[in-house]
N, C-alpha and C. Protein backbone atom coordinates (compact mmCIF):
# COMPACT_ATOMS: atom_id res chain seq x y z
N MET A 1 100.43 -64.44 -48.57
CA MET A 1 99.21 -63.16 -48.35
C MET A 1 98.60 -63.75 -46.64
N SER A 2 97.95 -63.42 -46.13
CA SER A 2 97.26 -63.93 -45.12
C SER A 2 95.99 -62.92 -44.79
N LYS A 3 94.50 -63.26 -44.34
CA LYS A 3 93.31 -62.55 -43.92
C LYS A 3 93.73 -63.22 -43.08
N ARG A 4 92.59 -62.43 -41.87
CA ARG A 4 92.12 -61.94 -40.70
C ARG A 4 90.94 -60.55 -40.60
N SER A 5 89.70 -61.30 -39.62
CA SER A 5 88.88 -60.69 -38.95
C SER A 5 89.92 -60.35 -37.98
N ILE A 6 89.05 -59.40 -37.16
CA ILE A 6 89.35 -57.76 -35.92
C ILE A 6 88.06 -57.84 -35.41
N ALA A 7 87.73 -57.98 -34.28
CA ALA A 7 86.27 -57.66 -33.36
C ALA A 7 87.15 -56.77 -32.48
N THR A 8 86.66 -55.96 -32.12
CA THR A 8 86.79 -55.05 -30.28
C THR A 8 85.57 -55.64 -29.61
N VAL A 9 85.62 -55.57 -28.59
CA VAL A 9 84.86 -55.29 -27.71
C VAL A 9 85.67 -54.49 -26.48
N VAL A 10 84.04 -53.25 -26.36
CA VAL A 10 84.11 -52.80 -25.42
C VAL A 10 83.66 -52.42 -24.41
N ALA A 11 84.43 -52.04 -23.41
CA ALA A 11 83.26 -51.36 -22.11
C ALA A 11 82.70 -50.33 -21.83
N GLY A 12 81.78 -50.04 -21.18
CA GLY A 12 81.17 -48.25 -20.93
C GLY A 12 81.02 -48.13 -19.80
N VAL A 13 81.41 -46.54 -19.68
CA VAL A 13 81.19 -45.57 -18.57
C VAL A 13 79.89 -45.09 -18.46
N ALA A 14 79.42 -44.50 -17.47
CA ALA A 14 78.98 -43.06 -16.99
C ALA A 14 78.97 -42.40 -16.37
N ALA A 15 78.96 -40.81 -17.17
CA ALA A 15 79.26 -39.80 -16.47
C ALA A 15 78.02 -38.54 -16.57
N MET A 16 77.65 -38.19 -15.85
CA MET A 16 76.69 -37.17 -15.78
C MET A 16 77.10 -35.70 -15.98
N PRO A 17 76.70 -34.55 -16.48
CA PRO A 17 75.52 -34.75 -17.48
C PRO A 17 76.32 -35.39 -18.63
N THR A 18 77.88 -35.73 -19.04
CA THR A 18 77.68 -36.03 -20.55
C THR A 18 78.32 -37.62 -20.07
N LEU A 19 77.45 -38.62 -21.54
CA LEU A 19 76.92 -40.08 -20.89
C LEU A 19 78.46 -40.41 -21.79
N LEU A 20 79.46 -40.72 -21.28
CA LEU A 20 80.29 -41.73 -22.23
C LEU A 20 80.54 -42.88 -22.28
N MET A 21 80.18 -44.27 -23.15
CA MET A 21 80.53 -45.41 -23.07
C MET A 21 81.02 -46.35 -24.49
N LEU A 22 81.70 -47.13 -24.65
CA LEU A 22 82.57 -47.67 -25.42
C LEU A 22 81.35 -48.82 -25.65
N ALA A 23 81.36 -48.54 -27.43
CA ALA A 23 80.19 -49.87 -27.83
C ALA A 23 80.80 -50.36 -28.28
N ALA A 24 80.73 -51.77 -28.71
CA ALA A 24 80.77 -53.53 -29.80
C ALA A 24 81.72 -52.80 -31.35
N ALA A 25 82.27 -52.58 -31.76
CA ALA A 25 82.29 -52.77 -33.49
C ALA A 25 83.22 -53.67 -33.72
N PRO A 26 82.86 -54.35 -34.38
CA PRO A 26 84.05 -55.63 -35.48
C PRO A 26 84.12 -54.69 -36.38
N ALA A 27 85.61 -54.96 -37.21
CA ALA A 27 85.85 -54.30 -38.36
C ALA A 27 86.73 -55.36 -39.07
N ALA A 28 86.49 -55.66 -40.11
CA ALA A 28 86.86 -56.71 -40.67
C ALA A 28 88.27 -56.42 -41.94
N ALA A 29 89.30 -56.89 -41.57
CA ALA A 29 90.01 -56.36 -42.88
C ALA A 29 90.97 -57.58 -42.84
N ALA A 30 90.95 -57.52 -44.68
CA ALA A 30 92.02 -58.51 -45.80
C ALA A 30 93.45 -57.71 -45.26
N VAL A 31 94.44 -58.53 -45.16
CA VAL A 31 95.86 -57.78 -44.93
C VAL A 31 96.98 -58.42 -45.90
N ASP A 32 97.07 -57.89 -47.10
CA ASP A 32 99.05 -58.66 -47.32
C ASP A 32 99.88 -57.79 -46.46
N GLY A 33 100.40 -58.59 -45.75
CA GLY A 33 101.44 -57.74 -44.88
C GLY A 33 101.27 -58.26 -43.26
N GLN A 34 102.44 -57.52 -42.67
CA GLN A 34 102.13 -57.76 -41.41
C GLN A 34 101.36 -56.67 -40.72
N VAL A 35 99.91 -55.92 -41.09
CA VAL A 35 99.48 -55.43 -40.00
C VAL A 35 97.91 -55.37 -38.98
N ARG A 36 98.90 -55.02 -38.15
CA ARG A 36 97.04 -55.22 -37.10
C ARG A 36 96.86 -53.96 -37.17
N VAL A 37 95.36 -54.40 -37.14
CA VAL A 37 94.21 -53.70 -37.09
C VAL A 37 93.77 -53.55 -36.21
N SER A 38 93.51 -52.72 -35.44
CA SER A 38 92.35 -52.48 -34.00
C SER A 38 91.11 -51.27 -33.90
N ASN A 39 89.61 -51.10 -33.82
CA ASN A 39 89.02 -49.83 -33.91
C ASN A 39 88.35 -49.70 -32.42
N THR A 40 88.31 -48.82 -32.10
CA THR A 40 87.88 -48.47 -30.88
C THR A 40 86.90 -47.20 -31.50
N GLU A 41 85.56 -47.68 -30.40
CA GLU A 41 84.27 -46.49 -30.73
C GLU A 41 83.64 -46.08 -29.40
N THR A 42 83.56 -44.77 -28.77
CA THR A 42 82.83 -44.33 -28.26
C THR A 42 81.54 -43.21 -28.39
N VAL A 43 80.82 -43.48 -27.67
CA VAL A 43 79.62 -43.10 -27.59
C VAL A 43 79.38 -41.71 -27.12
N GLN A 44 79.00 -40.83 -27.04
CA GLN A 44 78.54 -39.29 -26.35
C GLN A 44 77.63 -38.99 -26.24
N ALA A 45 77.00 -38.80 -25.35
CA ALA A 45 75.42 -38.18 -25.33
C ALA A 45 75.41 -37.27 -24.19
N TYR A 46 74.90 -36.55 -24.50
CA TYR A 46 74.75 -35.01 -24.04
C TYR A 46 72.98 -35.16 -23.82
N LEU A 47 72.59 -34.94 -22.69
CA LEU A 47 71.45 -35.80 -21.87
C LEU A 47 70.81 -33.62 -21.40
N ASP A 48 69.36 -33.94 -21.84
CA ASP A 48 69.01 -32.40 -21.14
C ASP A 48 68.58 -32.69 -19.32
N ALA A 49 68.13 -31.98 -18.34
CA ALA A 49 67.88 -32.08 -17.01
C ALA A 49 67.06 -32.90 -16.88
N THR A 50 66.20 -33.41 -17.17
CA THR A 50 65.46 -34.95 -16.85
C THR A 50 66.41 -35.95 -17.12
N GLY A 51 67.31 -36.18 -17.79
CA GLY A 51 67.95 -37.05 -18.59
C GLY A 51 67.88 -37.98 -19.45
N LYS A 52 67.51 -37.52 -20.55
CA LYS A 52 66.57 -37.47 -21.56
C LYS A 52 67.94 -37.52 -22.34
N VAL A 53 68.13 -37.87 -23.50
CA VAL A 53 69.05 -37.90 -24.53
C VAL A 53 68.68 -36.52 -25.53
N ASP A 54 70.09 -35.88 -25.55
CA ASP A 54 69.65 -34.44 -26.27
C ASP A 54 70.31 -34.85 -27.93
N VAL A 55 72.04 -35.11 -27.78
CA VAL A 55 72.53 -35.31 -28.62
C VAL A 55 73.08 -36.29 -28.72
N ALA A 56 73.19 -37.17 -29.23
CA ALA A 56 73.98 -38.96 -29.49
C ALA A 56 74.87 -38.63 -31.12
N ARG A 57 76.22 -39.01 -30.12
CA ARG A 57 77.84 -39.04 -31.31
C ARG A 57 78.70 -40.57 -31.10
N VAL A 58 79.24 -40.78 -32.44
CA VAL A 58 80.04 -42.02 -31.80
C VAL A 58 81.14 -41.90 -32.98
N TYR A 59 82.03 -41.82 -32.31
CA TYR A 59 83.67 -40.96 -32.21
C TYR A 59 84.43 -42.88 -32.09
N GLU A 60 85.08 -42.85 -33.52
CA GLU A 60 85.08 -44.35 -34.04
C GLU A 60 86.99 -43.74 -34.08
N GLN A 61 87.98 -45.11 -34.08
CA GLN A 61 89.39 -44.78 -34.48
C GLN A 61 89.54 -45.93 -34.61
N VAL A 62 89.87 -46.19 -35.78
CA VAL A 62 90.88 -47.66 -36.55
C VAL A 62 92.06 -46.90 -36.89
N ALA A 63 92.95 -48.18 -35.97
CA ALA A 63 94.19 -47.71 -36.20
C ALA A 63 95.10 -49.00 -36.81
N MET A 64 95.85 -49.02 -37.50
CA MET A 64 96.59 -49.57 -38.65
C MET A 64 98.03 -49.64 -37.97
N GLN A 65 98.87 -51.03 -37.60
CA GLN A 65 100.20 -50.86 -37.49
C GLN A 65 101.05 -51.98 -38.19
N GLY A 66 102.04 -51.94 -38.90
CA GLY A 66 102.98 -52.74 -39.02
C GLY A 66 102.81 -52.18 -40.10
N ARG A 67 103.36 -53.55 -41.56
CA ARG A 67 103.79 -52.56 -43.12
C ARG A 67 102.92 -54.51 -43.80
N GLY A 68 102.22 -53.01 -45.37
CA GLY A 68 101.35 -54.20 -45.76
C GLY A 68 100.49 -53.36 -46.62
N THR A 69 99.19 -53.80 -47.11
CA THR A 69 98.07 -53.68 -47.54
C THR A 69 97.01 -54.20 -46.88
N VAL A 70 95.99 -52.97 -46.87
CA VAL A 70 94.50 -53.51 -46.03
C VAL A 70 93.84 -53.16 -46.52
N ASP A 71 91.94 -54.37 -46.61
CA ASP A 71 91.34 -53.48 -47.79
C ASP A 71 90.44 -54.07 -46.33
N LEU A 72 90.32 -52.86 -45.30
CA LEU A 72 89.32 -52.23 -44.88
C LEU A 72 87.90 -52.72 -44.92
N GLN A 73 86.78 -52.83 -44.21
CA GLN A 73 85.51 -53.23 -43.87
C GLN A 73 84.89 -52.69 -42.88
N ASN A 74 84.38 -51.76 -41.89
CA ASN A 74 84.18 -51.33 -40.73
C ASN A 74 82.89 -51.00 -40.97
N PRO A 75 81.96 -51.22 -39.79
CA PRO A 75 80.14 -50.76 -39.89
C PRO A 75 80.77 -49.69 -39.55
N VAL A 76 79.86 -48.87 -40.16
CA VAL A 76 79.96 -46.94 -39.02
C VAL A 76 78.37 -47.06 -39.30
N GLU A 77 78.18 -45.86 -38.18
CA GLU A 77 76.76 -44.60 -38.92
C GLU A 77 76.86 -43.89 -39.44
N ALA A 78 76.33 -44.11 -40.34
CA ALA A 78 76.93 -43.20 -42.07
C ALA A 78 76.16 -42.04 -41.49
N GLN A 79 74.99 -41.45 -40.45
CA GLN A 79 74.06 -39.91 -40.58
C GLN A 79 75.98 -39.45 -39.76
N GLY A 80 75.89 -38.10 -40.95
CA GLY A 80 76.57 -37.22 -40.02
C GLY A 80 78.04 -37.68 -40.00
N LEU A 81 78.62 -38.42 -41.11
CA LEU A 81 79.68 -39.13 -40.78
C LEU A 81 80.61 -37.99 -41.24
N ARG A 82 81.89 -37.68 -40.65
CA ARG A 82 82.58 -36.65 -40.64
C ARG A 82 84.08 -37.59 -40.27
N ASN A 83 85.19 -36.79 -41.15
CA ASN A 83 86.91 -37.28 -40.87
C ASN A 83 87.38 -36.60 -40.26
N LEU A 84 87.74 -36.74 -38.88
CA LEU A 84 88.32 -35.72 -38.08
C LEU A 84 90.18 -35.40 -38.31
N ASP A 85 90.34 -36.18 -38.73
CA ASP A 85 91.46 -36.21 -39.25
C ASP A 85 92.02 -35.03 -40.76
N GLY A 86 90.89 -35.00 -41.39
CA GLY A 86 91.03 -33.85 -42.62
C GLY A 86 90.19 -33.75 -43.60
N PHE A 87 90.60 -33.35 -44.54
CA PHE A 87 89.28 -32.78 -45.09
C PHE A 87 88.62 -33.45 -45.97
N GLY A 88 88.57 -35.12 -46.04
CA GLY A 88 88.29 -36.05 -47.05
C GLY A 88 87.53 -36.72 -46.74
N GLY A 89 86.52 -37.14 -47.20
CA GLY A 89 85.44 -37.95 -47.02
C GLY A 89 85.49 -39.48 -46.83
N PHE A 90 84.85 -40.62 -46.24
CA PHE A 90 85.21 -41.76 -46.52
C PHE A 90 84.17 -42.92 -47.54
N GLU A 91 84.68 -43.87 -48.37
CA GLU A 91 83.44 -44.14 -49.24
C GLU A 91 83.07 -45.45 -47.97
N VAL A 92 81.67 -44.97 -48.36
CA VAL A 92 80.28 -45.68 -47.26
C VAL A 92 79.55 -46.68 -48.29
N LYS A 93 79.85 -47.56 -48.47
CA LYS A 93 78.65 -48.83 -49.15
C LYS A 93 77.50 -49.83 -48.23
N ASP A 94 76.45 -49.27 -47.83
CA ASP A 94 75.21 -50.56 -47.49
C ASP A 94 75.83 -49.74 -45.46
N GLY A 95 76.18 -49.03 -45.54
CA GLY A 95 76.54 -48.81 -43.78
C GLY A 95 77.96 -49.07 -43.49
N VAL A 96 78.85 -49.61 -44.47
CA VAL A 96 80.39 -50.28 -44.29
C VAL A 96 81.30 -49.30 -44.96
N MET A 97 81.99 -48.31 -44.46
CA MET A 97 83.47 -47.83 -44.29
C MET A 97 83.98 -48.92 -45.61
N VAL A 98 84.56 -48.71 -46.29
CA VAL A 98 85.29 -49.64 -46.72
C VAL A 98 86.34 -48.16 -47.79
N GLY A 99 87.79 -49.33 -47.53
CA GLY A 99 88.72 -48.93 -48.23
C GLY A 99 90.00 -49.74 -48.61
N ARG A 100 90.90 -49.01 -49.41
CA ARG A 100 92.10 -49.98 -49.26
C ARG A 100 93.68 -48.84 -48.86
N PHE A 101 94.48 -49.46 -47.46
CA PHE A 101 95.78 -48.61 -46.92
C PHE A 101 96.88 -49.42 -46.92
N ASP A 102 97.59 -48.33 -47.84
CA ASP A 102 99.44 -49.04 -47.47
C ASP A 102 99.66 -48.46 -45.83
N VAL A 103 99.74 -49.28 -45.71
CA VAL A 103 100.91 -48.63 -44.38
C VAL A 103 102.12 -49.44 -43.82
N ASP A 104 102.45 -48.19 -43.45
CA ASP A 104 104.08 -48.45 -43.38
C ASP A 104 104.56 -47.95 -42.20
N GLY A 105 104.11 -48.31 -41.20
CA GLY A 105 104.32 -47.98 -39.83
C GLY A 105 103.05 -47.98 -38.91
N GLU A 106 102.57 -46.63 -39.09
CA GLU A 106 101.26 -46.52 -38.28
C GLU A 106 100.45 -45.66 -38.88
N GLN A 107 98.87 -46.63 -39.34
CA GLN A 107 98.46 -45.41 -39.90
C GLN A 107 96.79 -44.89 -38.94
N ARG A 108 95.69 -44.06 -38.38
CA ARG A 108 94.88 -44.18 -38.14
C ARG A 108 93.90 -43.25 -38.55
N LEU A 109 92.66 -43.96 -38.46
CA LEU A 109 91.37 -42.97 -39.38
C LEU A 109 90.86 -42.66 -38.32
N ARG A 110 90.41 -41.70 -37.70
CA ARG A 110 89.23 -40.83 -36.82
C ARG A 110 87.79 -40.43 -37.48
N THR A 111 87.11 -40.62 -36.82
CA THR A 111 85.69 -40.12 -37.59
C THR A 111 84.46 -40.07 -36.11
N VAL A 112 83.40 -39.04 -36.77
CA VAL A 112 82.37 -38.78 -35.63
C VAL A 112 81.40 -38.85 -36.39
N SER A 113 80.60 -39.41 -35.83
CA SER A 113 78.77 -39.22 -36.81
C SER A 113 77.84 -39.27 -35.60
N ASP A 114 76.58 -38.70 -36.12
CA ASP A 114 75.28 -39.27 -35.44
C ASP A 114 75.23 -40.85 -34.92
N TYR A 115 74.85 -40.97 -33.66
CA TYR A 115 74.11 -42.50 -33.07
C TYR A 115 73.03 -42.13 -32.88
N THR A 116 72.45 -43.35 -33.86
CA THR A 116 70.89 -43.07 -34.11
C THR A 116 70.18 -44.48 -33.08
N LYS A 117 70.98 -45.48 -33.28
CA LYS A 117 70.48 -46.37 -32.24
C LYS A 117 69.74 -46.04 -30.83
N LYS A 118 68.84 -46.67 -30.31
CA LYS A 118 68.72 -46.81 -28.65
C LYS A 118 69.90 -46.94 -27.78
N LEU A 119 70.12 -45.88 -26.96
CA LEU A 119 71.27 -46.27 -26.11
C LEU A 119 70.93 -48.07 -25.14
N PRO A 120 71.80 -48.34 -24.74
CA PRO A 120 71.87 -49.54 -23.85
C PRO A 120 71.56 -49.49 -22.31
N LEU A 121 71.21 -48.22 -21.63
CA LEU A 121 70.93 -47.92 -20.81
C LEU A 121 70.02 -46.39 -20.57
N GLU A 122 69.71 -46.48 -19.42
CA GLU A 122 68.91 -44.78 -19.01
C GLU A 122 69.16 -44.38 -17.97
N VAL A 123 69.00 -42.92 -18.10
CA VAL A 123 69.89 -42.11 -16.89
C VAL A 123 68.34 -41.08 -16.46
N GLN A 124 68.02 -41.34 -15.14
CA GLN A 124 66.77 -40.98 -14.57
C GLN A 124 67.42 -39.73 -13.15
N ALA A 125 67.24 -37.99 -13.55
CA ALA A 125 67.71 -36.91 -12.71
C ALA A 125 66.20 -36.37 -12.16
N ALA A 126 66.80 -37.10 -10.79
CA ALA A 126 65.73 -36.39 -9.61
C ALA A 126 66.57 -34.93 -8.77
N TYR A 127 65.86 -33.96 -9.38
CA TYR A 127 66.02 -32.72 -7.85
C TYR A 127 65.29 -32.64 -6.64
N THR A 128 66.04 -32.39 -5.69
CA THR A 128 65.01 -32.02 -4.25
C THR A 128 65.96 -30.52 -3.89
N LEU A 129 64.90 -30.16 -3.42
CA LEU A 129 65.66 -28.41 -2.57
C LEU A 129 64.71 -28.67 -1.43
N ASP A 130 65.32 -28.49 -0.38
CA ASP A 130 65.26 -28.55 1.11
C ASP A 130 64.31 -30.07 1.81
N GLY A 131 64.69 -30.87 1.06
CA GLY A 131 64.07 -31.96 1.49
C GLY A 131 62.81 -32.23 0.43
N GLN A 132 62.31 -31.59 -0.47
CA GLN A 132 61.12 -31.45 -0.90
C GLN A 132 61.72 -31.37 -3.10
N THR A 133 60.92 -32.77 -3.14
CA THR A 133 61.31 -32.80 -4.72
C THR A 133 60.87 -31.36 -5.64
N VAL A 134 61.49 -31.24 -6.71
CA VAL A 134 60.97 -30.17 -7.31
C VAL A 134 61.69 -30.58 -8.84
N GLU A 135 60.80 -29.92 -9.82
CA GLU A 135 61.47 -29.73 -11.37
C GLU A 135 62.68 -29.34 -11.67
N PRO A 136 63.37 -29.24 -12.69
CA PRO A 136 64.90 -28.67 -12.78
C PRO A 136 64.40 -27.73 -13.14
N GLY A 137 63.33 -26.75 -13.74
CA GLY A 137 63.29 -25.46 -13.91
C GLY A 137 62.87 -24.60 -13.02
N ASP A 138 62.67 -25.84 -11.49
CA ASP A 138 61.92 -24.50 -10.46
C ASP A 138 63.60 -23.90 -9.58
N LEU A 139 64.37 -24.34 -10.37
CA LEU A 139 65.57 -24.79 -9.28
C LEU A 139 66.48 -23.17 -9.49
N LEU A 140 65.75 -23.15 -10.71
CA LEU A 140 66.49 -21.34 -11.27
C LEU A 140 65.91 -20.30 -10.13
N GLY A 141 67.58 -19.83 -9.60
CA GLY A 141 67.35 -18.75 -8.81
C GLY A 141 67.18 -19.12 -6.95
N ARG A 142 67.24 -20.03 -6.45
CA ARG A 142 66.64 -20.82 -5.21
C ARG A 142 67.90 -21.13 -5.16
N SER A 143 67.58 -21.30 -4.00
CA SER A 143 69.00 -21.53 -2.80
C SER A 143 68.29 -22.24 -1.30
N GLY A 144 69.24 -23.34 -1.41
CA GLY A 144 68.29 -23.82 0.03
C GLY A 144 69.17 -23.71 1.12
N ARG A 145 68.92 -24.68 1.91
CA ARG A 145 69.22 -23.85 3.12
C ARG A 145 70.23 -25.43 4.02
């Protein structure tokens, strides 16, 4: 029986109007057998016309590959937590998703939940029309030269 911890560190990417970035997400697993566990999180933020965050969600995938039993402990955003692979839920204790999984080949857990933390970046939007700065609402129905 071997025990190991898996931690993933991921990078960020920004796009407008939807902001996508990957966040660091440590997952710990006690493994009986030979199972590789990896965890990826993606934070998706929808912005309003001014660049202010309107809605933010975190999408998460835990991938387990190999053969054996995994006792998984994975920190999650519990608010709005939903299972993307089925109708069943997950057991969450003190902000940590816990579960015991028998893996024979590949198994994935995919979730989405509300992202409640402050994002590590800010976006500012500026609009101009014919060289003049305008508010986003002032662009409606207008055309430039």
